[in-house]
Protein backbone atom coordinates (compact mmCIF):
# COMPACT_ATOMS: atom_id res chain seq x y z
CA UNK A 1 11.45 39.08 -56.43
CA UNK A 2 13.35 35.80 -56.21
CA UNK A 3 11.43 33.89 -58.91
CA UNK A 4 9.56 34.88 -62.07
CA UNK A 5 5.76 34.40 -62.04
CA UNK A 6 4.60 30.85 -62.82
CA UNK A 7 2.59 31.98 -65.84
CA UNK A 8 5.81 33.24 -67.45
CA UNK A 9 7.85 30.16 -66.58
CA UNK A 10 5.13 27.97 -68.07
CA UNK A 11 5.93 29.48 -71.49
CA UNK A 12 9.41 27.92 -71.64
CA UNK A 13 8.64 26.07 -74.88
CA UNK A 14 8.23 29.43 -76.63
CA UNK A 15 11.87 30.22 -75.81
CA UNK A 16 13.13 27.43 -78.05
CA UNK A 17 13.69 24.99 -75.17
CA UNK A 18 12.92 21.29 -75.45
CA UNK A 19 12.78 20.78 -71.68
CA UNK A 20 11.76 23.00 -68.73
CA UNK A 21 14.48 25.16 -67.13
CA UNK A 22 16.75 23.31 -64.75
CA UNK A 23 17.42 26.19 -62.36
CA UNK A 24 16.51 29.86 -61.98
CA UNK A 25 18.55 32.50 -60.13
CA UNK A 26 17.78 36.18 -59.62
CA UNK A 27 20.38 38.55 -61.09
CA UNK A 28 20.69 41.68 -58.99
CA UNK A 29 21.92 45.14 -59.92
CA UNK A 30 19.43 46.58 -62.41
CA UNK A 31 17.40 49.65 -61.44
CA UNK A 32 14.49 49.25 -63.87
CA UNK A 33 13.77 45.58 -64.61
CA UNK A 34 13.92 42.21 -62.83
CA UNK A 35 16.45 39.78 -64.31
CA UNK A 36 16.87 36.02 -63.90
CA UNK A 37 19.55 33.60 -65.03
CA UNK A 38 17.90 30.54 -66.56
CA UNK A 39 19.87 27.29 -66.59
CA UNK A 40 18.62 24.93 -69.29
CA UNK A 41 19.82 21.81 -71.03
CA UNK A 42 21.17 23.84 -73.95
CA UNK A 43 23.03 26.44 -71.86
CA UNK A 44 22.14 29.71 -70.13
CA UNK A 45 19.58 32.38 -70.93
CA UNK A 46 18.62 35.66 -69.32
CA UNK A 47 14.96 36.33 -68.58
CA UNK A 48 14.14 40.02 -68.18
CA UNK A 49 10.82 41.12 -66.71
CA UNK A 50 10.28 44.58 -68.17
CA UNK A 51 9.18 47.62 -66.21
CA UNK A 52 6.74 49.26 -68.60
CA UNK A 53 5.93 52.26 -66.41
CA UNK A 54 4.89 55.17 -68.59
CA UNK A 55 6.81 57.76 -66.57
CA UNK A 56 10.18 56.18 -67.50
CA UNK A 57 9.78 57.00 -71.19
CA UNK A 58 10.90 53.60 -72.48
CA UNK A 59 9.70 52.56 -75.95
CA UNK A 60 9.98 48.77 -75.94
CA UNK A 61 9.18 48.27 -79.63
CA UNK A 62 11.95 50.69 -80.61
CA UNK A 63 14.33 49.10 -78.11
CA UNK A 64 13.70 45.69 -79.64
CA UNK A 65 14.45 46.97 -83.16
CA UNK A 66 17.67 48.65 -82.04
CA UNK A 67 18.79 45.65 -79.98
CA UNK A 68 18.13 43.37 -82.96
CA UNK A 69 20.19 45.66 -85.21
CA UNK A 70 23.13 45.55 -82.79
CA UNK A 71 22.88 41.80 -82.28
CA UNK A 72 23.00 41.30 -86.06
CA UNK A 73 26.31 43.20 -86.00
CA UNK A 74 27.63 41.04 -83.15
CA UNK A 75 27.60 43.93 -80.67
CA UNK A 76 24.72 42.79 -78.40
CA UNK A 77 23.48 39.30 -77.42
CA UNK A 78 20.69 37.70 -79.43
CA UNK A 79 17.11 37.92 -78.16
CA UNK A 80 15.46 34.49 -78.22
CA UNK A 81 11.87 35.45 -77.39
CA UNK A 82 9.80 38.57 -76.83
CA UNK A 83 6.37 38.41 -75.18
CA UNK A 84 3.75 40.09 -77.44
CA UNK A 85 3.05 42.78 -74.84
CA UNK A 86 6.75 43.23 -74.00
CA UNK A 87 6.10 41.96 -70.47
CA UNK A 88 9.34 40.02 -70.69
CA UNK A 89 12.20 39.09 -73.01
CA UNK A 90 14.51 36.09 -73.11
CA UNK A 91 17.98 36.57 -74.58
CA UNK A 92 21.29 34.77 -74.76
CA UNK A 93 23.29 35.07 -71.55
CA UNK A 94 26.81 36.46 -71.85
CA UNK A 95 29.10 34.61 -69.50
CA UNK A 96 31.91 36.90 -68.49
CA UNK A 97 32.92 39.93 -66.43
CA UNK A 98 30.97 43.19 -66.31
CA UNK A 99 33.29 46.17 -66.48
CA UNK A 100 33.93 48.10 -63.29
CA UNK A 101 34.26 51.88 -63.28
CA UNK A 102 37.10 51.71 -60.76
CA UNK A 103 39.07 49.09 -62.69
CA UNK A 104 38.51 50.03 -66.31
CA UNK A 105 41.61 49.49 -68.45
CA UNK A 106 43.05 51.21 -71.50
CA UNK A 107 42.00 48.18 -73.55
CA UNK A 108 38.45 48.48 -72.22
CA UNK A 109 38.27 52.15 -73.17
CA UNK A 110 39.69 51.59 -76.65
CA UNK A 111 37.22 48.76 -77.31
CA UNK A 112 34.32 50.84 -75.97
CA UNK A 113 35.26 53.80 -78.17
CA UNK A 114 35.46 51.49 -81.21
CA UNK A 115 32.05 49.93 -80.53
CA UNK A 116 30.34 53.26 -79.83
CA UNK A 117 31.76 54.65 -83.06
CA UNK A 118 30.40 51.59 -84.89
CA UNK A 119 26.95 52.15 -83.40
CA UNK A 120 27.06 55.83 -84.33
CA UNK A 121 27.59 54.80 -87.97
CA UNK A 122 24.59 52.44 -88.11
CA UNK A 123 21.39 53.59 -89.81
CA UNK A 124 18.72 54.04 -87.11
CA UNK A 125 15.85 51.57 -87.60
CA UNK A 126 12.44 52.91 -88.54
CA UNK A 127 10.68 54.28 -85.47
CA UNK A 128 13.86 54.89 -83.48
CA UNK A 129 13.06 57.69 -81.01
CA UNK A 130 14.80 61.03 -81.45
CA UNK A 131 16.05 62.36 -78.11
CA UNK A 132 15.22 65.89 -77.05
CA UNK A 133 17.06 66.20 -73.75
CA UNK A 134 15.08 69.18 -72.50
CA UNK A 135 11.75 67.56 -73.38
CA UNK A 136 12.76 64.27 -71.74
CA UNK A 137 13.80 65.99 -68.53
CA UNK A 138 10.53 67.93 -68.43
CA UNK A 139 8.56 64.71 -69.01
CA UNK A 140 10.22 63.15 -65.97
CA UNK A 141 9.68 66.28 -63.88
CA UNK A 142 6.03 66.55 -64.89
CA UNK A 143 5.46 62.90 -63.97
CA UNK A 144 6.82 63.61 -60.50
CA UNK A 145 4.94 66.88 -60.11
CA UNK A 146 1.62 65.21 -60.89
CA UNK A 147 2.05 62.69 -58.07
CA UNK A 148 3.46 64.43 -55.03
CA UNK A 149 4.59 67.69 -53.43
CA UNK A 150 7.35 65.75 -51.67
CA UNK A 151 9.97 66.77 -54.25
CA UNK A 152 8.96 70.43 -54.73
CA UNK A 153 12.32 71.95 -53.72
CA UNK A 154 14.29 69.63 -56.02
CA UNK A 155 11.85 70.18 -58.87
CA UNK A 156 12.29 73.95 -58.73
CA UNK A 157 16.08 73.68 -58.92
CA UNK A 158 15.97 71.11 -61.71
CA UNK A 159 13.43 73.04 -63.79
CA UNK A 160 15.70 76.09 -63.68
CA UNK A 161 18.66 74.03 -64.88
CA UNK A 162 16.63 72.30 -67.60
CA UNK A 163 15.38 75.64 -68.93
CA UNK A 164 19.00 76.65 -69.58
CA UNK A 165 19.81 73.63 -71.78
CA UNK A 166 21.20 74.56 -75.19
CA UNK A 167 20.62 71.78 -77.75
CA UNK A 168 23.61 70.09 -79.35
CA UNK A 169 23.91 70.25 -83.16
CA UNK A 170 20.93 68.40 -84.64
CA UNK A 171 22.78 67.79 -87.90
CA UNK A 172 25.29 65.55 -86.07
CA UNK A 173 22.65 63.33 -84.42
CA UNK A 174 23.02 59.57 -84.93
CA UNK A 175 22.06 56.28 -83.30
CA UNK A 176 23.30 56.32 -79.68
CA UNK A 177 23.10 53.90 -76.75
CA UNK A 178 22.56 56.70 -74.20
CA UNK A 179 23.52 54.57 -71.17
CA UNK A 180 26.94 53.02 -71.96
CA UNK A 181 27.98 52.81 -68.31
CA UNK A 182 30.68 50.29 -67.31
CA UNK A 183 28.06 47.93 -65.83
CA UNK A 184 26.35 47.71 -69.23
CA UNK A 185 29.47 46.21 -70.83
CA UNK A 186 30.47 42.56 -70.40
CA UNK A 187 33.75 41.04 -71.56
CA UNK A 188 33.08 37.38 -72.21
CA UNK A 189 35.38 34.45 -71.60
CA UNK A 190 36.88 34.75 -75.10
CA UNK A 191 37.75 38.43 -74.55
CA UNK A 192 34.93 39.85 -76.69
CA UNK A 193 33.13 42.94 -75.37
CA UNK A 194 29.32 43.04 -75.44
CA UNK A 195 26.97 45.97 -74.89
CA UNK A 196 23.72 45.46 -72.96
CA UNK A 197 20.55 47.35 -71.96
CA UNK A 198 19.43 49.46 -74.90
CA UNK A 199 16.27 50.78 -73.23
CA UNK A 200 17.13 54.42 -73.88
CA UNK A 201 18.88 54.02 -77.22
CA UNK A 202 17.82 56.81 -79.55
CA UNK A 203 18.91 59.23 -82.22
CA UNK A 204 20.97 61.85 -80.38
CA UNK A 205 24.27 63.68 -80.45
CA UNK A 206 27.20 61.21 -80.17
CA UNK A 207 28.93 63.29 -77.49
CA UNK A 208 26.16 62.23 -75.07
CA UNK A 209 27.33 58.61 -75.25
CA UNK A 210 30.96 59.56 -74.60
CA UNK A 211 30.00 61.94 -71.79
CA UNK A 212 27.78 59.32 -70.11
CA UNK A 213 30.75 56.99 -69.75
CA UNK A 214 33.22 59.76 -68.82
CA UNK A 215 31.07 60.76 -65.84
CA UNK A 216 31.42 57.25 -64.40
CA UNK A 217 35.21 57.13 -64.52
CA UNK A 218 37.92 58.13 -62.02
CA UNK A 219 39.79 61.30 -62.97
CA UNK A 220 42.84 59.53 -64.46
CA UNK A 221 40.72 57.19 -66.56
CA UNK A 222 38.49 60.10 -67.62
CA UNK A 223 41.49 61.98 -68.98
CA UNK A 224 42.63 58.89 -70.90
CA UNK A 225 39.09 58.39 -72.22
CA UNK A 226 38.79 61.99 -73.41
CA UNK A 227 42.15 61.73 -75.19
CA UNK A 228 40.69 58.92 -77.34
CA UNK A 229 37.94 61.16 -78.68
CA UNK A 230 38.15 63.27 -81.83
CA UNK A 231 38.12 67.04 -81.49
CA UNK A 232 34.63 67.15 -83.02
CA UNK A 233 33.38 65.31 -79.93
CA UNK A 234 35.62 66.96 -77.32
CA UNK A 235 34.28 70.44 -78.13
CA UNK A 236 30.82 69.32 -77.01
CA UNK A 237 31.79 67.26 -73.94
CA UNK A 238 31.11 69.95 -71.33
CA UNK A 239 27.60 70.64 -72.62
CA UNK A 240 26.94 66.94 -73.13
CA UNK A 241 28.05 66.16 -69.57
CA UNK A 242 25.68 68.77 -68.15
CA UNK A 243 22.81 67.28 -70.14
CA UNK A 244 23.60 63.71 -69.06
CA UNK A 245 23.66 64.79 -65.40
CA UNK A 246 20.24 66.42 -65.76
CA UNK A 247 18.81 63.39 -67.57
CA UNK A 248 20.12 61.12 -64.84
CA UNK A 249 18.85 63.26 -61.94
CA UNK A 250 15.38 63.77 -63.38
CA UNK A 251 15.07 60.09 -64.37
CA UNK A 252 16.13 58.90 -60.93
CA UNK A 253 13.62 61.20 -59.26
CA UNK A 254 10.84 59.96 -61.56
CA UNK A 255 11.89 56.34 -60.86
CA UNK A 256 11.82 56.99 -57.11
CA UNK A 257 8.38 58.59 -57.31
CA UNK A 258 7.02 55.68 -59.37
CA UNK A 259 8.27 53.07 -56.91
CA UNK A 260 7.25 54.90 -53.70
CA UNK A 261 3.89 53.38 -52.64
CA UNK A 262 3.26 56.21 -50.17
CA UNK A 263 2.83 58.80 -52.94
C-alpha cells in the first residue's frame, strides 16, 4: 500500500491540523501494520493503519493506555488521534536514527537498560493484559491449525516445545514492552532515545524484555548487554530466551497463515 485510503485522509482535521497534509510517504519495515509519514504545515506525523486480526492477539485499547502512560513519562511519542474503532492512529513522528542490531553501542545498551527498568517500575494501567507465554503460543498455534494442514509438521514440533514451558516467577511480573528490538528504538536528533510499538506490552516477567533484546544482538554485544543486568534477571535469562523464541516462532507462523490468501 503506497497511500492510505481516502476516507482516512479526509479526517485530517481530527488530527489537530489546520490544513490538509502536504505530502504522504509510506514507511516500510513493519510486519503488522501499514505506516505513513505525514508532512503537514506544523511538522511531521506518523499515520499507522492497524492490523486488527484476531489471531495476532493484540489488544488495541490496552496498547493505547500503555502507550499513553509511557508518553506521559517522556519514553514514547505522543499519540495525536485514535480512530474510535482503532482502525488507525496518528502520533508524533520521531525524527532520528532507528537502532541497528549490528551497530548497537555501549551507550545504546545502557540507555535501553535504564528505560526498560523505568518501565518495569511503572504501575500497569487498568486492563493491561497479563502474559501467559504458554497460553499465547497455544493461541497462535490453534489459529493456524484451524485454517490449514500446510504447517502440520511445524505445529507438532512447536506444540511439544510449548508443553515443556515452565512459567517464570509470577510474583516478579511487572509492566513489560515485550518487543524491545533494536528497530523499535529511535535516537532522535537531540540524542534522546524513544521506544516505539507497544502492541504486545503486558504484565510479564522482566527477564523476557531483556532476553528479547539479547537474542537480536551479536555475541560480543550480547555479553556486554548481559553484564548490565542484575543477578536477579540473569538467573532467568536462559528460560526467558527459550520462551521468547517460542513466542516469536508461533507468532510468525500465525502471521504467515493470516496473510496467505491461499489458505
